Structures are given as C-alpha cells and as structure tokens.
Amino acid sequence: METSVENASGRVTYAAIDIGSNAVRLLIKELEDENGPRFSKVLLLRVPLRLGFDVFAHGKISEKREKDIVRLMKCYRHLMKIYEVSDYRACATSAMRDASNGSQIIRDVEKKTGIRIEIIDGQEEARMIYNNHIENMKARSGNFMYVDVGGGSTEINLLADGELVCSRSYNIGTVRMLNEAVEESEKVRMKRDMRDLALSYPGINIIGSGGNINKLFKLVKGRDRRYPRMSVASLRELYDELKRLSVKERMETYALKPDRADVIVPAGDIFLTVADLTGAQYIYVPVIGLADGIIDGLYSRDRKTGMGQA
C-alpha cells in the first residue's frame, strides 16, 4: 500500500486512520469519479481507546493502552487488505503529540504491524480539516468559522467568502477538560483570538466538525430541516439539559454510549463559547472530520502526480 494505484478489482480505494485523544477511527472510501472527486464510503469503524485519559493525567500512554494500539493497528491492517486499499495515511493528534512516549510508541507500532503513524501538529490538523470538501466551501458566501472539537485540542479555521483567512489550534479539548488539564493561558488566548476575529469579520457563523457536534445535532430540538444546521439557542437548550444529568442519566435518556456521554458536555461548552465570542447565530453540521480530510489529501496528491489514474 505504498502507492495509490488501482486494486485487483480495478478501483482506487483510500483509507484514513485518525488516532485521536478519545477514539481511533478507520475510514475507507472508494473513488467513484476521478474528475470530481466523488467518493463512496466503504467502511467506518470507531474504537474508543481514550488515549487522552492517560496523557492528560499522567503525561504518557500506559502500557495497557499501548498494547491496545498495537492490537487495533493489526486489525485495521487486515481490514485494509480485505478491502483492497490502494493507499492509506495514519495520523495521530493531540494525545500522541503530548505523550512523552508517543514517538517510541509509533516506532513500536510500525515494527509490529507495518502501519506507519505520523504525529501531526495542530496547524496541520487544522489545514487538513479545512481542505476537506473545500470545493463546497468555496461556494459559500459570508464569514464562517470552521470548528473541529477533539479530545485534546480544538482546531479553528476562519473562511471569508470561501477563502481561508487563518488557522488556529488550541490545547482545549473534551478529554483534556474532563481531566482539568486545560491551562488558563490557553483559554485566554482562544478568547482573545475569537474576539479579535469577530471584530474584523462580522456576521460569523460556525461550521462544526467532529463526533460530538454530529451527535448534538441529531439530539437537538428544532433543527433546520432545509439545511444541516441548528441555532445556537437550540444547542444551548440541549446543553443545559445534558449538563444537569449525570453520565449514567445521559446514557439512559439519550441512548448515548459511555465514551460519548461524558465528553459531549465539554464539547457543547466549547462550541457555545466560540459562538458567544463571535456572535454566531447558527452552527452548520455537514458531518465531516479529519479522516475525510486525510483521504481528500491523498486524492489531491495523486491528482498532482498523475497516480491513481486509469
């Protein structure tokens, strides 16, 4: 899987592995139209390894979770072979960046599984998220703040009439918040940046990315049926309801899994904080994420090099 060429079935199939602070995802997509691009989703798996709970509390990934990473990468490797993946990219984000043993673990993973993991910084993560569905974004007029909330960090991209103005990454994430590991200086930096951007680019609305905002959108009352969006007011109402409940009560009332029921409240807090600071009235939720951006990046690289063509 070193080059992206057609597989034995005559198709070009890409895979992305997103190693986040809360969960590790495998996304496999098949290219339908080389001039589009148009992809069809073949497989999406999400396993809640919760690396951030080790890292943000103890500064390193535990031996148990390291063994789990190796087991999971072996599994993903076999699945990519079964689905005849032409090329893949595996990226680790905030938890692996901060772990004192992160570099050692990715060396061990490659040796034991053959999967090469890249630790990407916050700015690259923000750019990759922005690049996902970029052509659709160019069709949008107005000022939009593209906000991706993860377990360890929040990536923010500001777009004015579809053009990228700036990218920001903050060490403020759901797992980090649950571990009370967010530094006050980082909160101050984000608040200052958001206020400054709102003054320069009035009328901002938010485009939300990540598993938590997708779930909040499904749960919220009165979401807009014409567009994939919800009002900030409706999100605040849902957030207040969720915050009043215990994790167990959230699971029972809203049919949430344990690894979603705890992080969904800090995620709502982050989105509402950004909305308050920018004056946003709506949050668009197109159900996108880093894994999609990884695959778009693989496709774009192949278009430039002429690989993956018939």
C-alpha atoms as a PDB file:
ATOM      1  CA  MET A   1       0.000   0.000   0.000  1.00  0.00           C
ATOM      2  CA  GLU A   2       2.874   2.334  -0.745  1.00  0.00           C
ATOM      3  CA  THR A   3       1.379   3.863  -3.907  1.00  0.00           C
ATOM      4  CA  SER A   4      -2.205   4.669  -4.819  1.00  0.00           C
ATOM      5  CA  VAL A   5      -2.927   2.528  -7.857  1.00  0.00           C
ATOM      6  CA  GLU A   6      -5.972   0.568  -8.872  1.00  0.00           C
ATOM      7  CA  ASN A   7      -6.511  -2.560  -6.814  1.00  0.00           C
ATOM      8  CA  ALA A   8      -7.270  -6.031  -8.181  1.00  0.00           C
ATOM      9  CA  SER A   9     -10.897  -5.029  -8.688  1.00  0.00           C
ATOM     10  CA  GLY A  10      -9.916  -2.091 -10.894  1.00  0.00           C
ATOM     11  CA  ARG A  11     -10.856   0.524  -8.279  1.00  0.00           C
ATOM     12  CA  VAL A  12      -8.912   3.147  -6.346  1.00  0.00           C
ATOM     13  CA  THR A  13      -9.664   2.854  -2.627  1.00  0.00           C
ATOM     14  CA  TYR A  14      -8.224   5.063   0.108  1.00  0.00           C
ATOM     15  CA  ALA A  15      -8.100   4.608   3.873  1.00  0.00           C
ATOM     16  CA  ALA A  16      -7.542   7.052   6.726  1.00  0.00           C
ATOM     17  CA  ILE A  17      -6.639   6.216  10.309  1.00  0.00           C
ATOM     18  CA  ASP A  18      -7.352   9.038  12.752  1.00  0.00           C
ATOM     19  CA  ILE A  19      -5.748   8.411  16.160  1.00  0.00           C
ATOM     20  CA  GLY A  20      -7.454  10.934  18.403  1.00  0.00           C
ATOM     21  CA  SER A  21      -7.474  11.600  22.112  1.00  0.00           C
ATOM     22  CA  ASN A  22     -10.815   9.869  22.631  1.00  0.00           C
ATOM     23  CA  ALA A  23     -11.214   7.397  19.763  1.00  0.00           C
ATOM     24  CA  VAL A  24      -9.314   5.810  16.876  1.00  0.00           C
ATOM     25  CA  ARG A  25     -11.145   5.731  13.541  1.00  0.00           C
ATOM     26  CA  LEU A  26     -10.645   3.810  10.339  1.00  0.00           C
ATOM     27  CA  LEU A  27     -12.375   5.284   7.284  1.00  0.00           C
ATOM     28  CA  ILE A  28     -12.254   3.568   3.885  1.00  0.00           C
ATOM     29  CA  LYS A  29     -13.604   5.272   0.762  1.00  0.00           C
ATOM     30  CA  GLU A  30     -13.743   4.224  -2.862  1.00  0.00           C
ATOM     31  CA  LEU A  31     -13.169   6.712  -5.685  1.00  0.00           C
ATOM     32  CA  GLU A  32     -16.199   6.862  -7.962  1.00  0.00           C
ATOM     33  CA  ASP A  33     -15.352   9.795 -10.239  1.00  0.00           C
ATOM     34  CA  GLU A  34     -11.713  10.735 -10.885  1.00  0.00           C
ATOM     35  CA  ASN A  35     -12.748  14.195 -12.130  1.00  0.00           C
ATOM     36  CA  GLY A  36     -14.920  15.013  -9.081  1.00  0.00           C
ATOM     37  CA  PRO A  37     -13.802  13.779  -6.776  1.00  0.00           C
ATOM     38  CA  ARG A  38     -16.746  11.672  -5.691  1.00  0.00           C
ATOM     39  CA  PHE A  39     -16.244   9.029  -3.040  1.00  0.00           C
ATOM     40  CA  SER A  40     -18.466   6.336  -1.608  1.00  0.00           C
ATOM     41  CA  LYS A  41     -17.906   5.307   1.992  1.00  0.00           C
ATOM     42  CA  VAL A  42     -16.987   1.641   2.237  1.00  0.00           C
ATOM     43  CA  LEU A  43     -16.284   1.291   5.952  1.00  0.00           C
ATOM     44  CA  LEU A  44     -16.134   3.433   9.089  1.00  0.00           C
ATOM     45  CA  LEU A  45     -15.007   1.991  12.424  1.00  0.00           C
ATOM     46  CA  ARG A  46     -14.548   3.841  15.694  1.00  0.00           C
ATOM     47  CA  VAL A  47     -12.844   2.306  18.730  1.00  0.00           C
ATOM     48  CA  PRO A  48     -12.721   4.387  21.966  1.00  0.00           C
ATOM     49  CA  LEU A  49      -9.128   3.789  23.125  1.00  0.00           C
ATOM     50  CA  ARG A  50      -9.267   7.074  25.121  1.00  0.00           C
ATOM     51  CA  LEU A  51      -5.552   7.801  24.973  1.00  0.00           C
ATOM     52  CA  GLY A  52      -6.094  11.279  26.345  1.00  0.00           C
ATOM     53  CA  PHE A  53      -7.174   9.990  29.745  1.00  0.00           C
ATOM     54  CA  ASP A  54      -3.653   8.626  30.205  1.00  0.00           C
ATOM     55  CA  VAL A  55      -1.777  11.519  28.641  1.00  0.00           C
ATOM     56  CA  PHE A  56      -3.586  14.483  30.165  1.00  0.00           C
ATOM     57  CA  ALA A  57      -3.497  12.932  33.646  1.00  0.00           C
ATOM     58  CA  HIS A  58      -0.054  11.267  33.674  1.00  0.00           C
ATOM     59  CA  GLY A  59       1.849  12.668  30.679  1.00  0.00           C
ATOM     60  CA  LYS A  60       2.275   9.317  28.922  1.00  0.00           C
ATOM     61  CA  ILE A  61       0.347   6.445  27.375  1.00  0.00           C
ATOM     62  CA  SER A  62       0.054   3.421  29.659  1.00  0.00           C
ATOM     63  CA  GLU A  63       1.444   0.009  28.801  1.00  0.00           C
ATOM     64  CA  LYS A  64      -2.080  -1.421  28.536  1.00  0.00           C
ATOM     65  CA  ARG A  65      -3.228   1.199  26.055  1.00  0.00           C
ATOM     66  CA  GLU A  66      -0.003   0.812  24.082  1.00  0.00           C
ATOM     67  CA  LYS A  67      -0.797  -2.899  23.694  1.00  0.00           C
ATOM     68  CA  ASP A  68      -4.327  -1.978  22.629  1.00  0.00           C
ATOM     69  CA  ILE A  69      -2.972   0.387  19.955  1.00  0.00           C
ATOM     70  CA  VAL A  70      -0.836  -2.425  18.521  1.00  0.00           C
ATOM     71  CA  ARG A  71      -3.791  -4.839  18.555  1.00  0.00           C
ATOM     72  CA  LEU A  72      -6.032  -2.287  16.854  1.00  0.00           C
ATOM     73  CA  MET A  73      -3.490  -1.385  14.167  1.00  0.00           C
ATOM     74  CA  LYS A  74      -3.075  -5.093  13.336  1.00  0.00           C
ATOM     75  CA  CYS A  75      -6.847  -5.308  12.965  1.00  0.00           C
ATOM     76  CA  TYR A  76      -7.012  -2.192  10.768  1.00  0.00           C
ATOM     77  CA  ARG A  77      -4.119  -3.511   8.653  1.00  0.00           C
ATOM     78  CA  HIS A  78      -6.030  -6.727   7.941  1.00  0.00           C
ATOM     79  CA  LEU A  79      -9.220  -4.813   7.148  1.00  0.00           C
ATOM     80  CA  MET A  80      -7.361  -2.624   4.652  1.00  0.00           C
ATOM     81  CA  LYS A  81      -6.091  -5.773   2.948  1.00  0.00           C
ATOM     82  CA  ILE A  82      -9.580  -7.264   2.846  1.00  0.00           C
ATOM     83  CA  TYR A  83     -10.972  -4.089   1.269  1.00  0.00           C
ATOM     84  CA  GLU A  84      -8.009  -3.895  -1.153  1.00  0.00           C
ATOM     85  CA  VAL A  85      -6.971  -0.413  -0.057  1.00  0.00           C
ATOM     86  CA  SER A  86      -4.719   1.251  -2.621  1.00  0.00           C
ATOM     87  CA  ASP A  87      -3.173   3.802  -0.245  1.00  0.00           C
ATOM     88  CA  TYR A  88      -3.610   4.994   3.317  1.00  0.00           C
ATOM     89  CA  ARG A  89      -2.402   7.562   5.810  1.00  0.00           C
ATOM     90  CA  ALA A  90      -2.425   7.228   9.606  1.00  0.00           C
ATOM     91  CA  CYS A  91      -2.327  10.434  11.648  1.00  0.00           C
ATOM     92  CA  ALA A  92      -2.131  10.921  15.419  1.00  0.00           C
ATOM     93  CA  THR A  93      -3.174  14.183  17.002  1.00  0.00           C
ATOM     94  CA  SER A  94      -3.197  15.879  20.396  1.00  0.00           C
ATOM     95  CA  ALA A  95      -2.777  12.974  22.853  1.00  0.00           C
ATOM     96  CA  MET A  96       0.071  11.363  20.925  1.00  0.00           C
ATOM     97  CA  ARG A  97       1.670  14.798  20.427  1.00  0.00           C
ATOM     98  CA  ASP A  98       1.703  15.407  24.168  1.00  0.00           C
ATOM     99  CA  ALA A  99       2.641  11.891  25.323  1.00  0.00           C
ATOM    100  CA  SER A 100       6.241  11.610  26.496  1.00  0.00           C
ATOM    101  CA  ASN A 101       6.388   8.118  24.965  1.00  0.00           C
ATOM    102  CA  GLY A 102       4.462   8.994  21.790  1.00  0.00           C
ATOM    103  CA  SER A 103       7.422   8.746  19.406  1.00  0.00           C
ATOM    104  CA  GLN A 104       8.543   5.450  20.915  1.00  0.00           C
ATOM    105  CA  ILE A 105       5.043   4.006  20.558  1.00  0.00           C
ATOM    106  CA  ILE A 106       4.717   4.849  16.868  1.00  0.00           C
ATOM    107  CA  ARG A 107       8.103   3.204  16.225  1.00  0.00           C
ATOM    108  CA  ASP A 108       6.909   0.061  18.014  1.00  0.00           C
ATOM    109  CA  VAL A 109       3.611   0.093  16.120  1.00  0.00           C
ATOM    110  CA  GLU A 110       5.357   0.269  12.752  1.00  0.00           C
ATOM    111  CA  LYS A 111       7.746  -2.535  13.715  1.00  0.00           C
ATOM    112  CA  LYS A 112       4.957  -4.829  14.938  1.00  0.00           C
ATOM    113  CA  THR A 113       2.168  -4.003  12.483  1.00  0.00           C
ATOM    114  CA  GLY A 114       3.670  -2.305   9.430  1.00  0.00           C
ATOM    115  CA  ILE A 115       1.417   0.717   9.969  1.00  0.00           C
ATOM    116  CA  ARG A 116       3.365   3.985   9.797  1.00  0.00           C
ATOM    117  CA  ILE A 117       1.832   6.653  12.030  1.00  0.00           C
ATOM    118  CA  GLU A 118       2.545  10.353  11.611  1.00  0.00           C
ATOM    119  CA  ILE A 119       2.198  12.689  14.580  1.00  0.00           C
ATOM    120  CA  ILE A 120       0.784  15.906  13.082  1.00  0.00           C
ATOM    121  CA  ASP A 121       0.816  19.285  14.774  1.00  0.00           C
ATOM    122  CA  GLY A 122      -2.259  21.382  15.444  1.00  0.00           C
ATOM    123  CA  GLN A 123      -1.768  23.675  12.460  1.00  0.00           C
ATOM    124  CA  GLU A 124      -1.512  20.779  10.005  1.00  0.00           C
ATOM    125  CA  GLU A 125      -4.562  19.203  11.582  1.00  0.00           C
ATOM    126  CA  ALA A 126      -6.477  22.462  11.090  1.00  0.00           C
ATOM    127  CA  ARG A 127      -5.388  22.716   7.440  1.00  0.00           C
ATOM    128  CA  MET A 128      -6.363  19.106   6.722  1.00  0.00           C
ATOM    129  CA  ILE A 129      -9.806  19.641   8.225  1.00  0.00           C
ATOM    130  CA  TYR A 130     -10.238  22.807   6.148  1.00  0.00           C
ATOM    131  CA  ASN A 131      -9.158  21.084   2.945  1.00  0.00           C
ATOM    132  CA  ASN A 132     -11.929  18.529   3.344  1.00  0.00           C
ATOM    133  CA  HIS A 133     -14.802  19.426   0.988  1.00  0.00           C
ATOM    134  CA  ILE A 134     -13.002  22.653   0.051  1.00  0.00           C
ATOM    135  CA  GLU A 135     -14.879  22.964  -3.241  1.00  0.00           C
ATOM    136  CA  ASN A 136     -18.190  23.041  -1.410  1.00  0.00           C
ATOM    137  CA  MET A 137     -16.818  25.663   0.950  1.00  0.00           C
ATOM    138  CA  LYS A 138     -15.866  27.985  -1.923  1.00  0.00           C
ATOM    139  CA  ALA A 139     -19.499  28.118  -2.909  1.00  0.00           C
ATOM    140  CA  ARG A 140     -20.393  29.704   0.430  1.00  0.00           C
ATOM    141  CA  SER A 141     -20.525  33.484   0.782  1.00  0.00           C
ATOM    142  CA  GLY A 142     -20.048  35.230   4.095  1.00  0.00           C
ATOM    143  CA  ASN A 143     -17.837  34.604   7.114  1.00  0.00           C
ATOM    144  CA  PHE A 144     -17.651  31.112   8.576  1.00  0.00           C
ATOM    145  CA  MET A 145     -15.627  29.695  11.437  1.00  0.00           C
ATOM    146  CA  TYR A 146     -14.826  26.035  10.819  1.00  0.00           C
ATOM    147  CA  VAL A 147     -14.548  24.485  14.310  1.00  0.00           C
ATOM    148  CA  ASP A 148     -13.356  20.926  14.957  1.00  0.00           C
ATOM    149  CA  VAL A 149     -13.518  19.877  18.631  1.00  0.00           C
ATOM    150  CA  GLY A 150     -11.451  16.843  19.570  1.00  0.00           C
ATOM    151  CA  GLY A 151     -10.487  15.161  22.792  1.00  0.00           C
ATOM    152  CA  GLY A 152      -7.220  17.031  23.173  1.00  0.00           C
ATOM    153  CA  SER A 153      -7.470  20.118  21.004  1.00  0.00           C
ATOM    154  CA  THR A 154      -9.787  22.407  19.080  1.00  0.00           C
ATOM    155  CA  GLU A 155      -8.890  23.403  15.512  1.00  0.00           C
ATOM    156  CA  ILE A 156     -10.378  26.593  14.090  1.00  0.00           C
ATOM    157  CA  ASN A 157     -10.270  27.890  10.511  1.00  0.00           C
ATOM    158  CA  LEU A 158     -11.765  31.231   9.511  1.00  0.00           C
ATOM    159  CA  LEU A 159     -13.157  31.483   5.984  1.00  0.00           C
ATOM    160  CA  ALA A 160     -14.306  34.693   4.290  1.00  0.00           C
ATOM    161  CA  ASP A 161     -16.351  34.031   1.125  1.00  0.00           C
ATOM    162  CA  GLY A 162     -14.777  30.571   0.867  1.00  0.00           C
ATOM    163  CA  GLU A 163     -11.167  31.760   1.213  1.00  0.00           C
ATOM    164  CA  LEU A 164      -9.054  30.625   4.161  1.00  0.00           C
ATOM    165  CA  VAL A 165      -8.070  33.638   6.270  1.00  0.00           C
ATOM    166  CA  CYS A 166      -6.314  31.923   9.183  1.00  0.00           C
ATOM    167  CA  SER A 167      -5.943  28.652  11.062  1.00  0.00           C
ATOM    168  CA  ARG A 168      -5.656  28.270  14.815  1.00  0.00           C
ATOM    169  CA  SER A 169      -5.110  25.296  17.126  1.00  0.00           C
ATOM    170  CA  TYR A 170      -5.790  25.347  20.873  1.00  0.00           C
ATOM    171  CA  ASN A 171      -4.975  22.743  23.508  1.00  0.00           C
ATOM    172  CA  ILE A 172      -8.593  22.791  24.643  1.00  0.00           C
ATOM    173  CA  GLY A 173     -10.452  19.516  24.134  1.00  0.00           C
ATOM    174  CA  THR A 174     -13.131  17.396  25.747  1.00  0.00           C
ATOM    175  CA  VAL A 175     -10.879  14.791  27.393  1.00  0.00           C
ATOM    176  CA  ARG A 176      -8.437  17.497  28.453  1.00  0.00           C
ATOM    177  CA  MET A 177     -11.329  19.373  30.090  1.00  0.00           C
ATOM    178  CA  LEU A 178     -12.581  16.278  31.907  1.00  0.00           C
ATOM    179  CA  ASN A 179      -9.064  15.823  33.297  1.00  0.00           C
ATOM    180  CA  GLU A 180      -8.913  19.514  34.289  1.00  0.00           C
ATOM    181  CA  ALA A 181      -5.757  19.777  32.190  1.00  0.00           C
ATOM    182  CA  VAL A 182      -6.566  22.931  30.188  1.00  0.00           C
ATOM    183  CA  GLU A 183      -4.160  25.759  31.012  1.00  0.00           C
ATOM    184  CA  GLU A 184      -5.733  29.115  31.812  1.00  0.00           C
ATOM    185  CA  SER A 185      -3.390  30.842  29.360  1.00  0.00           C
ATOM    186  CA  GLU A 186      -4.807  28.708  26.533  1.00  0.00           C
ATOM    187  CA  LYS A 187      -8.357  29.745  27.411  1.00  0.00           C
ATOM    188  CA  VAL A 188      -7.289  33.393  27.433  1.00  0.00           C
ATOM    189  CA  ARG A 189      -5.555  33.011  24.050  1.00  0.00           C
ATOM    190  CA  MET A 190      -8.623  31.476  22.425  1.00  0.00           C
ATOM    191  CA  LYS A 191     -10.974  34.109  23.846  1.00  0.00           C
ATOM    192  CA  ARG A 192      -8.707  36.940  22.694  1.00  0.00           C
ATOM    193  CA  ASP A 193      -8.369  35.480  19.197  1.00  0.00           C
ATOM    194  CA  MET A 194     -12.099  34.885  18.802  1.00  0.00           C
ATOM    195  CA  ARG A 195     -12.984  38.421  19.878  1.00  0.00           C
ATOM    196  CA  ASP A 196     -10.394  39.945  17.538  1.00  0.00           C
ATOM    197  CA  LEU A 197     -11.571  37.855  14.572  1.00  0.00           C
ATOM    198  CA  ALA A 198     -15.214  38.699  15.262  1.00  0.00           C
ATOM    199  CA  LEU A 199     -14.394  42.421  15.114  1.00  0.00           C
ATOM    200  CA  SER A 200     -12.584  42.065  11.782  1.00  0.00           C
ATOM    201  CA  TYR A 201     -15.079  39.611  10.246  1.00  0.00           C
ATOM    202  CA  PRO A 202     -18.624  40.411  11.433  1.00  0.00           C
ATOM    203  CA  GLY A 203     -21.587  38.113  10.939  1.00  0.00           C
ATOM    204  CA  ILE A 204     -19.678  34.883  11.584  1.00  0.00           C
ATOM    205  CA  ASN A 205     -21.488  31.560  11.668  1.00  0.00           C
ATOM    206  CA  ILE A 206     -19.934  28.229  12.659  1.00  0.00           C
ATOM    207  CA  ILE A 207     -19.360  25.049  10.677  1.00  0.00           C
ATOM    208  CA  GLY A 208     -18.962  22.249  13.232  1.00  0.00           C
ATOM    209  CA  SER A 209     -16.861  19.126  12.826  1.00  0.00           C
ATOM    210  CA  GLY A 210     -16.330  16.055  14.994  1.00  0.00           C
ATOM    211  CA  GLY A 211     -18.327  13.234  16.507  1.00  0.00           C
ATOM    212  CA  ASN A 212     -19.740  15.291  19.370  1.00  0.00           C
ATOM    213  CA  ILE A 213     -21.307  18.045  17.265  1.00  0.00           C
ATOM    214  CA  ASN A 214     -22.720  15.386  14.934  1.00  0.00           C
ATOM    215  CA  LYS A 215     -24.406  13.713  17.906  1.00  0.00           C
ATOM    216  CA  LEU A 216     -25.595  17.024  19.379  1.00  0.00           C
ATOM    217  CA  PHE A 217     -27.144  17.876  16.015  1.00  0.00           C
ATOM    218  CA  LYS A 218     -29.062  14.584  15.995  1.00  0.00           C
ATOM    219  CA  LEU A 219     -30.353  15.212  19.529  1.00  0.00           C
ATOM    220  CA  VAL A 220     -31.224  18.908  19.295  1.00  0.00           C
ATOM    221  CA  LYS A 221     -34.835  20.063  19.066  1.00  0.00           C
ATOM    222  CA  GLY A 222     -35.992  22.254  16.207  1.00  0.00           C
ATOM    223  CA  ARG A 223     -33.009  21.781  13.902  1.00  0.00           C
ATOM    224  CA  ASP A 224     -33.353  23.333  10.469  1.00  0.00           C
ATOM    225  CA  ARG A 225     -34.835  20.751   8.083  1.00  0.00           C
ATOM    226  CA  ARG A 226     -33.779  22.662   4.945  1.00  0.00           C
ATOM    227  CA  TYR A 227     -30.082  22.900   5.839  1.00  0.00           C
ATOM    228  CA  PRO A 228     -27.752  20.798   8.004  1.00  0.00           C
ATOM    229  CA  ARG A 229     -27.722  23.447  10.730  1.00  0.00           C
ATOM    230  CA  MET A 230     -29.050  24.262  14.186  1.00  0.00           C
ATOM    231  CA  SER A 231     -29.434  27.531  16.029  1.00  0.00           C
ATOM    232  CA  VAL A 232     -27.019  28.344  18.827  1.00  0.00           C
ATOM    233  CA  ALA A 233     -30.074  28.904  21.051  1.00  0.00           C
ATOM    234  CA  SER A 234     -31.312  25.343  20.464  1.00  0.00           C
ATOM    235  CA  LEU A 235     -27.841  23.942  21.186  1.00  0.00           C
ATOM    236  CA  ARG A 236     -27.723  25.914  24.440  1.00  0.00           C
ATOM    237  CA  GLU A 237     -31.087  24.457  25.491  1.00  0.00           C
ATOM    238  CA  LEU A 238     -29.841  20.910  24.826  1.00  0.00           C
ATOM    239  CA  TYR A 239     -26.520  21.614  26.555  1.00  0.00           C
ATOM    240  CA  ASP A 240     -28.306  22.833  29.688  1.00  0.00           C
ATOM    241  CA  GLU A 241     -30.396  19.644  29.745  1.00  0.00           C
ATOM    242  CA  LEU A 242     -27.358  17.391  29.328  1.00  0.00           C
ATOM    243  CA  LYS A 243     -25.302  19.251  31.920  1.00  0.00           C
ATOM    244  CA  ARG A 244     -27.955  18.727  34.573  1.00  0.00           C
ATOM    245  CA  LEU A 245     -27.776  14.950  34.119  1.00  0.00           C
ATOM    246  CA  SER A 246     -25.157  12.510  35.342  1.00  0.00           C
ATOM    247  CA  VAL A 247     -23.217  10.478  32.779  1.00  0.00           C
ATOM    248  CA  LYS A 248     -25.423   7.464  33.523  1.00  0.00           C
ATOM    249  CA  GLU A 249     -28.585   9.536  33.140  1.00  0.00           C
ATOM    250  CA  ARG A 250     -27.360  10.903  29.786  1.00  0.00           C
ATOM    251  CA  MET A 251     -26.782   7.342  28.609  1.00  0.00           C
ATOM    252  CA  GLU A 252     -30.285   6.291  29.635  1.00  0.00           C
ATOM    253  CA  THR A 253     -32.146   9.405  28.494  1.00  0.00           C
ATOM    254  CA  TYR A 254     -30.390   9.962  25.168  1.00  0.00           C
ATOM    255  CA  ALA A 255     -29.159   6.427  24.353  1.00  0.00           C
ATOM    256  CA  LEU A 256     -25.520   7.533  24.452  1.00  0.00           C
ATOM    257  CA  LYS A 257     -22.516   5.239  24.716  1.00  0.00           C
ATOM    258  CA  PRO A 258     -20.338   5.732  27.835  1.00  0.00           C
ATOM    259  CA  ASP A 259     -17.450   7.237  25.851  1.00  0.00           C
ATOM    260  CA  ARG A 260     -19.839   9.785  24.302  1.00  0.00           C
ATOM    261  CA  ALA A 261     -21.923  10.573  27.363  1.00  0.00           C
ATOM    262  CA  ASP A 262     -19.028  12.091  29.303  1.00  0.00           C
ATOM    263  CA  VAL A 263     -17.344  14.148  26.538  1.00  0.00           C
ATOM    264  CA  ILE A 264     -20.492  15.542  24.924  1.00  0.00           C
ATOM    265  CA  VAL A 265     -20.983  18.210  27.603  1.00  0.00           C
ATOM    266  CA  PRO A 266     -17.480  19.764  27.402  1.00  0.00           C
ATOM    267  CA  ALA A 267     -17.835  19.644  23.605  1.00  0.00           C
ATOM    268  CA  GLY A 268     -21.052  21.639  23.826  1.00  0.00           C
ATOM    269  CA  ASP A 269     -19.302  24.054  26.173  1.00  0.00           C
ATOM    270  CA  ILE A 270     -16.531  24.705  23.624  1.00  0.00           C
ATOM    271  CA  PHE A 271     -18.924  25.265  20.716  1.00  0.00           C
ATOM    272  CA  LEU A 272     -21.104  27.615  22.781  1.00  0.00           C
ATOM    273  CA  THR A 273     -18.029  29.525  23.984  1.00  0.00           C
ATOM    274  CA  VAL A 274     -16.892  30.105  20.384  1.00  0.00           C
ATOM    275  CA  ALA A 275     -20.442  31.105  19.407  1.00  0.00           C
ATOM    276  CA  ASP A 276     -20.694  33.596  22.278  1.00  0.00           C
ATOM    277  CA  LEU A 277     -17.322  35.167  21.494  1.00  0.00           C
ATOM    278  CA  THR A 278     -18.041  35.514  17.764  1.00  0.00           C
ATOM    279  CA  GLY A 279     -21.760  36.323  17.949  1.00  0.00           C
ATOM    280  CA  ALA A 280     -22.632  33.311  15.785  1.00  0.00           C
ATOM    281  CA  GLN A 281     -26.340  32.509  15.470  1.00  0.00           C
ATOM    282  CA  TYR A 282     -26.112  29.167  13.653  1.00  0.00           C
ATOM    283  CA  ILE A 283     -23.919  26.066  13.576  1.00  0.00           C
ATOM    284  CA  TYR A 284     -23.828  24.132  10.287  1.00  0.00           C
ATOM    285  CA  VAL A 285     -23.149  20.407  10.737  1.00  0.00           C
ATOM    286  CA  PRO A 286     -22.171  18.721   7.437  1.00  0.00           C
ATOM    287  CA  VAL A 287     -20.874  15.566   9.231  1.00  0.00           C
ATOM    288  CA  ILE A 288     -17.212  15.792   8.306  1.00  0.00           C
ATOM    289  CA  GLY A 289     -13.934  15.191  10.107  1.00  0.00           C
ATOM    290  CA  LEU A 290     -10.201  14.716   9.991  1.00  0.00           C
ATOM    291  CA  ALA A 291     -10.404  11.243   8.417  1.00  0.00           C
ATOM    292  CA  ASP A 292     -12.281  12.712   5.440  1.00  0.00           C
ATOM    293  CA  GLY A 293      -9.607  15.399   5.139  1.00  0.00           C
ATOM    294  CA  ILE A 294      -6.849  12.766   5.133  1.00  0.00           C
ATOM    295  CA  ILE A 295      -8.483  10.950   2.215  1.00  0.00           C
ATOM    296  CA  ASP A 296      -9.038  14.185   0.301  1.00  0.00           C
ATOM    297  CA  GLY A 297      -5.340  14.923   0.799  1.00  0.00           C
ATOM    298  CA  LEU A 298      -4.332  11.531  -0.617  1.00  0.00           C
ATOM    299  CA  TYR A 299      -6.548  12.090  -3.640  1.00  0.00           C
ATOM    300  CA  SER A 300      -5.212  15.619  -4.237  1.00  0.00           C
ATOM    301  CA  ARG A 301      -1.620  14.381  -4.061  1.00  0.00           C
ATOM    302  CA  ASP A 302      -2.356  11.671  -6.619  1.00  0.00           C
ATOM    303  CA  ARG A 303      -4.038  14.138  -8.977  1.00  0.00           C
ATOM    304  CA  LYS A 304      -0.883  16.268  -8.923  1.00  0.00           C
ATOM    305  CA  THR A 305       1.455  13.340  -9.518  1.00  0.00           C
ATOM    306  CA  GLY A 306      -0.761  11.591 -12.031  1.00  0.00           C
ATOM    307  CA  MET A 307      -1.067   8.461  -9.867  1.00  0.00           C
ATOM    308  CA  GLY A 308      -4.256   6.535  -9.337  1.00  0.00           C
ATOM    309  CA  GLN A 309      -5.360   7.151 -12.923  1.00  0.00           C
ATOM    310  CA  ALA A 310      -6.861   4.576 -15.225  1.00  0.00           C
END
